[in-house]
Amino acid sequence: MNTSTEKRKQHRSIDEAAEWLVLLQDDDVCTETKEAFAEWLLSSRNHVRDYLKLAMLSEDIASLDASILSAEELKAVLAEKAEVADIVKLFDRPASIPATSQNGKVNSKKQKAWSSGYKLFAAAAAMVMAVGVGLFWPAADPVIIYQTALGEQSSMALDDGSLLVMNTQTEIQVDMDQEHRNLYLNSGEAFFDVAKDPTRAFRVIVDGAVIEALGTSFNVRHFSNYTEATLLEGAISVSAKPGVEPIIVGISERVRINHETGSVDVSLVSPDAILAWQNRKLIFDGELLSDAISEFNRYNKRKVTILDAVLASKKVSGVFNADDPESFTLFLEAAGIARVNVSASGIVLTSVKK
């Protein structure tokens, strides 16, 4: 992942942490909000770090006891979500740990600082222990990570009977237990044919956005700053960010979630075009040439490069083999769209001189 993408993700995590910090100051925080906050924490260790940083910067440590970040309440919420029982002893505060000055007298300022620090530590400890050390998931049900390499596709049956089909350069973390089915799409694209289980929600989580299946099959693709989810059968609900009411997506509808702005756009698409990748086909219908080239580069070691901005903005249509960029570039040359220069290092496209 490049540096700019990492920075965008970092900024997004901080923005979401700030939203939660404000949202959780409400004295009447509902159960649904608490569970949504727990899911957000579980989705990334960066979320835990950024929330605590902002809590410290706010200098409002006392509010941690009144909000979901109180040690006891957060412990209960996350323990229920993560099924962790062995965290109570973290909060057995010693009867007395006096802060003393050099003359041996109790220093009230240090004692107060220690007390505030303890609250923050307890909140952090609750989060860390409730979601597991290192991987931040329950140790009793370890996360399974599936990956595909450049050009590779893979399909598998999950423990619950659901079918997972992964496209090129995809990484998914699967977290399932007796109460939930959470899949974290860290990169790439995947198709999900979900086995029905009314007792356990099936959720795909992408950079904080939650796509919940309601007995269905759907496709999800993770881009650098947005995610697209397309429904093929059944129904899905989509929550773009914490505290936002989910929307219900219908069959043949594609929802695009902008992770930077939180905006959600819904449009009708062709299911055949969405699932063409499973047959290693690329279907273009008026796409920019630059976008078409990016699609080919997802699958192939030999990269195609465009050296002309005007050429990159031209539009192309057609059905092509994802593994054959050479045929695609020959099509461009034959159609008089581009001049093709093939070398051992790759394929370069330039504008046709008139």
Protein backbone atom coordinates (compact mmCIF):
# COMPACT_ATOMS: atom_id res chain seq x y z
CA MET A 1 0.00 0.00 0.00
CA ASN A 2 1.42 3.41 -0.96
CA THR A 3 2.13 6.25 1.43
CA SER A 4 -0.74 8.47 0.27
CA THR A 5 -3.26 5.68 0.82
CA GLU A 6 -1.87 5.03 4.31
CA LYS A 7 -2.19 8.76 5.15
CA ARG A 8 -5.79 8.85 3.94
CA LYS A 9 -6.63 5.84 6.10
CA GLN A 10 -4.91 7.42 9.09
CA HIS A 11 -6.83 10.68 8.65
CA ARG A 12 -10.09 8.77 8.23
CA SER A 13 -9.47 6.80 11.43
CA ILE A 14 -8.80 10.02 13.35
CA ASP A 15 -11.93 11.66 11.92
CA GLU A 16 -14.07 8.69 12.93
CA ALA A 17 -12.53 8.64 16.39
CA ALA A 18 -13.44 12.33 16.77
CA GLU A 19 -17.03 11.58 15.74
CA TRP A 20 -17.28 8.81 18.31
CA LEU A 21 -15.77 11.04 20.99
CA VAL A 22 -18.56 13.57 20.42
CA LEU A 23 -21.31 10.99 19.98
CA LEU A 24 -20.48 9.16 23.20
CA GLN A 25 -20.69 12.27 25.37
CA ASP A 26 -24.48 11.91 25.27
CA ASP A 27 -25.80 10.68 28.61
CA ASP A 28 -28.43 8.60 26.79
CA VAL A 29 -26.19 6.47 24.59
CA CYS A 30 -28.39 3.65 23.27
CA THR A 31 -27.44 -0.02 23.05
CA GLU A 32 -27.27 0.08 19.24
CA THR A 33 -24.73 2.90 19.39
CA LYS A 34 -22.64 1.02 21.93
CA GLU A 35 -22.61 -2.08 19.77
CA ALA A 36 -21.71 -0.02 16.70
CA PHE A 37 -18.83 1.50 18.67
CA ALA A 38 -17.67 -1.97 19.71
CA GLU A 39 -17.72 -3.10 16.07
CA TRP A 40 -15.71 -0.03 15.09
CA LEU A 41 -13.08 -0.78 17.74
CA LEU A 42 -12.89 -4.41 16.67
CA SER A 43 -12.33 -3.49 13.03
CA SER A 44 -8.85 -1.96 13.56
CA ARG A 45 -6.23 -1.56 16.25
CA ASN A 46 -5.70 1.97 14.86
CA HIS A 47 -9.23 2.83 15.97
CA VAL A 48 -8.33 1.99 19.58
CA ARG A 49 -5.15 4.03 19.39
CA ASP A 50 -6.76 7.08 17.77
CA TYR A 51 -9.74 7.15 20.12
CA LEU A 52 -7.51 7.10 23.18
CA LYS A 53 -5.25 9.79 21.74
CA LEU A 54 -8.20 12.10 21.23
CA ALA A 55 -9.60 11.28 24.66
CA MET A 56 -6.30 12.30 26.19
CA LEU A 57 -6.06 15.47 24.11
CA SER A 58 -9.57 16.48 25.11
CA GLU A 59 -8.40 16.60 28.76
CA ASP A 60 -11.81 15.34 29.71
CA ILE A 61 -10.81 12.17 31.51
CA ALA A 62 -13.78 12.39 33.83
CA SER A 63 -16.12 11.93 30.87
CA LEU A 64 -14.67 8.49 30.32
CA ASP A 65 -16.63 7.25 33.33
CA ALA A 66 -19.90 8.69 32.04
CA SER A 67 -19.58 7.44 28.49
CA ILE A 68 -19.16 4.00 27.01
CA LEU A 69 -15.46 4.28 27.76
CA SER A 70 -15.97 3.75 31.46
CA ALA A 71 -13.97 0.68 32.39
CA GLU A 72 -16.93 -1.32 33.65
CA GLU A 73 -19.38 -0.45 30.87
CA LEU A 74 -16.90 -0.85 28.04
CA LYS A 75 -15.72 -4.10 29.58
CA ALA A 76 -19.28 -5.44 29.61
CA VAL A 77 -20.08 -4.33 26.05
CA LEU A 78 -16.88 -5.62 24.46
CA ALA A 79 -16.80 -8.78 26.54
CA GLU A 80 -20.25 -9.60 25.22
CA LYS A 81 -19.16 -8.88 21.65
CA ALA A 82 -15.85 -10.70 21.91
CA GLU A 83 -16.76 -13.39 24.44
CA VAL A 84 -13.84 -12.60 26.70
CA ALA A 85 -14.34 -13.53 30.34
CA ASP A 86 -10.89 -13.14 31.82
CA ILE A 87 -10.65 -9.36 31.97
CA VAL A 88 -12.29 -8.54 35.30
CA LYS A 89 -9.07 -8.72 37.28
CA LEU A 90 -7.60 -5.91 35.21
CA PHE A 91 -9.89 -3.55 37.05
CA ASP A 92 -9.13 -4.69 40.59
CA ARG A 93 -7.50 -1.40 41.52
CA PRO A 94 -5.13 -1.62 44.50
CA ALA A 95 -6.60 -0.26 47.74
CA SER A 96 -3.90 2.38 47.97
CA ILE A 97 -1.09 3.44 45.68
CA PRO A 98 -0.11 6.83 47.12
CA ALA A 99 1.91 9.27 45.07
CA THR A 100 4.69 10.66 47.25
CA SER A 101 7.04 13.56 46.91
CA GLN A 102 10.73 13.47 47.79
CA ASN A 103 9.98 14.32 51.43
CA GLY A 104 7.74 11.28 51.77
CA LYS A 105 4.46 13.21 51.97
CA VAL A 106 1.50 12.34 49.81
CA ASN A 107 1.40 14.59 46.77
CA SER A 108 -2.25 15.34 46.02
CA LYS A 109 -1.51 16.56 42.50
CA LYS A 110 0.30 13.35 41.62
CA GLN A 111 -2.44 11.32 43.26
CA LYS A 112 -5.03 13.12 41.13
CA ALA A 113 -2.95 12.64 37.99
CA TRP A 114 -2.54 8.97 38.80
CA SER A 115 -6.29 8.62 39.28
CA SER A 116 -7.03 10.22 35.91
CA GLY A 117 -4.33 8.14 34.27
CA TYR A 118 -5.79 5.00 35.80
CA LYS A 119 -9.18 5.73 34.24
CA LEU A 120 -7.58 6.06 30.84
CA PHE A 121 -5.44 2.98 31.38
CA ALA A 122 -8.47 0.98 32.46
CA ALA A 123 -10.36 2.04 29.35
CA ALA A 124 -7.41 1.13 27.15
CA ALA A 125 -6.91 -2.16 28.95
CA ALA A 126 -10.58 -2.99 28.52
CA MET A 127 -10.31 -2.42 24.79
CA VAL A 128 -7.06 -4.29 24.38
CA MET A 129 -8.11 -7.30 26.43
CA ALA A 130 -11.65 -7.42 25.07
CA VAL A 131 -10.48 -7.67 21.50
CA GLY A 132 -7.36 -9.72 22.07
CA VAL A 133 -3.67 -8.91 22.25
CA GLY A 134 -1.82 -8.50 18.95
CA LEU A 135 -4.56 -9.35 16.46
CA PHE A 136 -7.31 -7.54 18.40
CA TRP A 137 -9.74 -10.42 18.07
CA PRO A 138 -10.89 -13.05 20.59
CA ALA A 139 -8.16 -15.56 21.27
CA ALA A 140 -10.68 -18.38 21.60
CA ASP A 141 -11.68 -17.98 17.94
CA PRO A 142 -8.56 -16.89 16.05
CA VAL A 143 -8.92 -14.90 12.87
CA ILE A 144 -8.30 -16.75 9.63
CA ILE A 145 -6.61 -14.72 6.91
CA TYR A 146 -7.13 -15.55 3.24
CA GLN A 147 -5.04 -13.93 0.51
CA THR A 148 -4.66 -14.08 -3.25
CA ALA A 149 -1.60 -13.03 -5.23
CA LEU A 150 -1.40 -10.98 -8.44
CA GLY A 151 -3.65 -12.61 -11.04
CA GLU A 152 -4.81 -15.32 -8.63
CA GLN A 153 -8.44 -16.15 -7.84
CA SER A 154 -9.66 -18.51 -5.15
CA SER A 155 -12.94 -19.90 -3.84
CA MET A 156 -13.70 -21.69 -0.58
CA ALA A 157 -16.52 -22.78 1.69
CA LEU A 158 -16.49 -21.05 5.07
CA ASP A 159 -17.25 -22.82 8.33
CA ASP A 160 -20.83 -21.59 8.33
CA GLY A 161 -21.49 -22.97 4.83
CA SER A 162 -21.16 -19.63 3.03
CA LEU A 163 -19.22 -19.44 -0.23
CA LEU A 164 -16.33 -16.99 -0.56
CA VAL A 165 -14.80 -16.21 -3.97
CA MET A 166 -11.75 -13.93 -3.96
CA ASN A 167 -10.43 -11.94 -6.90
CA THR A 168 -6.83 -10.95 -7.58
CA GLN A 169 -4.73 -9.27 -4.84
CA THR A 170 -7.36 -9.70 -2.13
CA GLU A 171 -6.98 -10.09 1.62
CA ILE A 172 -9.83 -11.06 3.92
CA GLN A 173 -9.84 -11.75 7.65
CA VAL A 174 -12.59 -14.13 8.75
CA ASP A 175 -13.79 -13.92 12.34
CA MET A 176 -16.61 -16.32 13.19
CA ASP A 177 -17.93 -17.72 16.43
CA GLN A 178 -21.27 -18.82 17.85
CA GLU A 179 -22.65 -15.29 17.91
CA HIS A 180 -21.31 -13.44 14.88
CA ARG A 181 -19.79 -13.73 11.40
CA ASN A 182 -17.48 -10.81 10.65
CA LEU A 183 -15.30 -10.63 7.55
CA TYR A 184 -12.81 -7.79 7.12
CA LEU A 185 -12.00 -6.96 3.51
CA ASN A 186 -8.58 -5.32 3.77
CA SER A 187 -7.94 -5.14 0.04
CA GLY A 188 -9.21 -6.38 -3.29
CA GLU A 189 -12.57 -7.82 -4.27
CA ALA A 190 -14.74 -10.73 -3.21
CA PHE A 191 -18.08 -12.38 -3.85
CA PHE A 192 -20.14 -13.73 -0.94
CA ASP A 193 -22.94 -16.29 -1.18
CA VAL A 194 -24.20 -16.26 2.39
CA ALA A 195 -25.63 -19.27 4.19
CA LYS A 196 -28.77 -18.33 6.10
CA ASP A 197 -28.41 -18.22 9.87
CA PRO A 198 -30.91 -15.94 11.68
CA THR A 199 -28.94 -16.27 14.94
CA ARG A 200 -25.69 -14.82 13.54
CA ALA A 201 -25.36 -11.69 11.45
CA PHE A 202 -23.01 -11.90 8.45
CA ARG A 203 -21.06 -8.65 8.09
CA VAL A 204 -18.37 -7.50 5.68
CA ILE A 205 -16.40 -4.61 7.19
CA VAL A 206 -14.33 -2.28 5.01
CA ASP A 207 -12.54 0.70 6.57
CA GLY A 208 -15.30 1.17 9.14
CA ALA A 209 -18.19 0.74 6.69
CA VAL A 210 -20.41 -2.27 7.49
CA ILE A 211 -22.25 -4.33 4.88
CA GLU A 212 -24.67 -6.74 6.52
CA ALA A 213 -26.21 -9.61 4.57
CA LEU A 214 -29.86 -10.43 5.02
CA GLY A 215 -29.65 -13.92 3.46
CA THR A 216 -28.07 -13.02 0.17
CA SER A 217 -25.28 -13.01 -2.39
CA PHE A 218 -23.30 -9.88 -3.13
CA ASN A 219 -19.99 -8.55 -4.42
CA VAL A 220 -17.70 -6.09 -2.63
CA ARG A 221 -14.68 -4.26 -4.03
CA HIS A 222 -12.29 -2.18 -1.93
CA PHE A 223 -10.69 0.83 -3.65
CA SER A 224 -8.17 3.20 -2.08
CA ASN A 225 -10.72 5.73 -0.82
CA TYR A 226 -14.10 4.14 -1.49
CA THR A 227 -15.89 0.79 -1.54
CA GLU A 228 -18.47 -0.62 -3.93
CA ALA A 229 -21.00 -3.26 -2.88
CA THR A 230 -23.37 -4.80 -5.43
CA LEU A 231 -26.34 -6.98 -4.54
CA LEU A 232 -27.09 -10.03 -6.70
CA GLU A 233 -29.74 -11.76 -4.58
CA GLY A 234 -31.65 -11.07 -1.36
CA ALA A 235 -30.85 -7.82 0.45
CA ILE A 236 -28.02 -6.05 2.25
CA SER A 237 -27.90 -3.12 4.63
CA VAL A 238 -25.02 -0.68 4.38
CA SER A 239 -23.72 1.69 7.07
CA ALA A 240 -21.14 4.11 5.72
CA LYS A 241 -19.73 5.28 9.06
CA PRO A 242 -20.37 5.23 12.82
CA GLY A 243 -23.73 6.60 13.93
CA VAL A 244 -25.19 6.75 10.40
CA GLU A 245 -28.50 5.04 9.72
CA PRO A 246 -27.99 2.05 7.38
CA ILE A 247 -29.62 1.94 3.96
CA ILE A 248 -31.15 -1.14 2.33
CA VAL A 249 -29.75 -2.05 -1.09
CA GLY A 250 -31.89 -3.86 -3.66
CA ILE A 251 -31.07 -6.46 -6.33
CA SER A 252 -28.80 -5.18 -9.15
CA GLU A 253 -28.07 -2.04 -7.16
CA ARG A 254 -24.52 -0.93 -6.49
CA VAL A 255 -23.74 1.28 -3.51
CA ARG A 256 -20.56 3.32 -3.54
CA ILE A 257 -19.30 4.40 -0.11
CA ASN A 258 -16.86 7.29 -0.02
CA HIS A 259 -14.71 6.69 3.06
CA GLU A 260 -13.38 10.25 3.13
CA THR A 261 -16.72 12.10 2.99
CA GLY A 262 -19.09 9.39 4.23
CA SER A 263 -21.33 9.92 1.19
CA VAL A 264 -23.29 6.99 -0.27
CA ASP A 265 -24.40 6.75 -3.92
CA VAL A 266 -26.68 4.03 -5.28
CA SER A 267 -27.00 3.09 -8.96
CA LEU A 268 -28.32 0.25 -11.12
CA VAL A 269 -25.72 -2.01 -12.73
CA SER A 270 -25.53 -5.16 -14.82
CA PRO A 271 -24.93 -8.25 -12.64
CA ASP A 272 -23.13 -9.92 -15.56
CA ALA A 273 -20.63 -7.07 -15.72
CA ILE A 274 -20.05 -7.14 -11.97
CA LEU A 275 -19.36 -10.88 -11.87
CA ALA A 276 -17.44 -11.09 -15.16
CA TRP A 277 -14.20 -11.27 -13.20
CA GLN A 278 -15.13 -14.76 -12.03
CA ASN A 279 -14.74 -15.86 -15.67
CA ARG A 280 -11.57 -13.74 -15.95
CA LYS A 281 -13.34 -11.30 -18.24
CA LEU A 282 -13.35 -7.50 -18.20
CA ILE A 283 -16.46 -5.72 -19.51
CA PHE A 284 -16.10 -2.03 -20.36
CA ASP A 285 -19.03 0.19 -21.30
CA GLY A 286 -17.70 3.66 -21.95
CA GLU A 287 -15.01 3.49 -19.25
CA LEU A 288 -12.04 5.82 -19.36
CA LEU A 289 -9.02 4.21 -20.98
CA SER A 290 -7.00 4.95 -17.83
CA ASP A 291 -9.52 2.97 -15.75
CA ALA A 292 -9.50 0.10 -18.24
CA ILE A 293 -5.70 -0.05 -18.10
CA SER A 294 -5.83 -0.11 -14.29
CA GLU A 295 -8.12 -3.14 -14.48
CA PHE A 296 -5.68 -5.04 -16.69
CA ASN A 297 -2.79 -4.13 -14.40
CA ARG A 298 -4.61 -5.75 -11.45
CA TYR A 299 -4.17 -9.15 -13.07
CA ASN A 300 -0.85 -9.03 -14.93
CA LYS A 301 2.83 -8.68 -14.14
CA ARG A 302 3.49 -6.98 -17.46
CA LYS A 303 2.06 -3.51 -16.89
CA VAL A 304 0.48 -1.16 -19.40
CA THR A 305 1.41 2.53 -19.15
CA ILE A 306 -0.22 5.59 -20.75
CA LEU A 307 2.07 8.56 -21.38
CA ASP A 308 -0.58 10.93 -22.67
CA ALA A 309 -3.29 12.55 -20.51
CA VAL A 310 -5.53 13.14 -23.54
CA LEU A 311 -5.27 9.48 -24.48
CA ALA A 312 -6.03 8.43 -20.90
CA SER A 313 -9.35 10.32 -21.05
CA LYS A 314 -10.62 8.47 -24.13
CA LYS A 315 -13.45 6.00 -23.56
CA VAL A 316 -13.53 2.31 -24.48
CA SER A 317 -16.14 -0.44 -24.65
CA GLY A 318 -15.97 -4.17 -25.18
CA VAL A 319 -15.38 -7.56 -23.53
CA PHE A 320 -11.78 -8.63 -23.02
CA ASN A 321 -9.72 -11.39 -21.44
CA ALA A 322 -8.25 -10.12 -18.15
CA ASP A 323 -5.09 -12.18 -18.71
CA ASP A 324 -4.38 -10.81 -22.18
CA PRO A 325 -3.44 -7.11 -22.14
CA GLU A 326 -1.55 -7.59 -25.41
CA SER A 327 -4.77 -8.33 -27.32
CA PHE A 328 -6.44 -5.34 -25.72
CA THR A 329 -3.64 -2.97 -26.74
CA LEU A 330 -3.63 -4.42 -30.27
CA PHE A 331 -7.36 -3.67 -30.41
CA LEU A 332 -6.60 -0.06 -29.44
CA GLU A 333 -3.98 0.19 -32.17
CA ALA A 334 -6.22 -1.38 -34.82
CA ALA A 335 -9.03 1.01 -33.90
CA GLY A 336 -6.70 3.97 -34.32
CA ILE A 337 -7.01 4.92 -30.65
CA ALA A 338 -3.39 4.49 -29.55
CA ARG A 339 0.10 3.68 -30.70
CA VAL A 340 1.56 0.62 -28.94
CA ASN A 341 5.19 0.09 -27.98
CA VAL A 342 5.87 -3.39 -26.55
CA SER A 343 9.09 -4.15 -24.66
CA ALA A 344 10.35 -6.66 -22.12
CA SER A 345 9.56 -4.22 -19.32
CA GLY A 346 5.95 -3.55 -20.33
CA ILE A 347 3.56 -1.99 -22.82
CA VAL A 348 3.51 1.77 -23.44
CA LEU A 349 0.59 3.58 -25.07
CA THR A 350 0.91 6.95 -26.80
CA SER A 351 -1.45 9.02 -28.90
CA VAL A 352 -1.70 8.43 -32.61
CA LYS A 353 -0.09 11.30 -34.47
CA LYS A 354 -2.28 12.83 -37.13
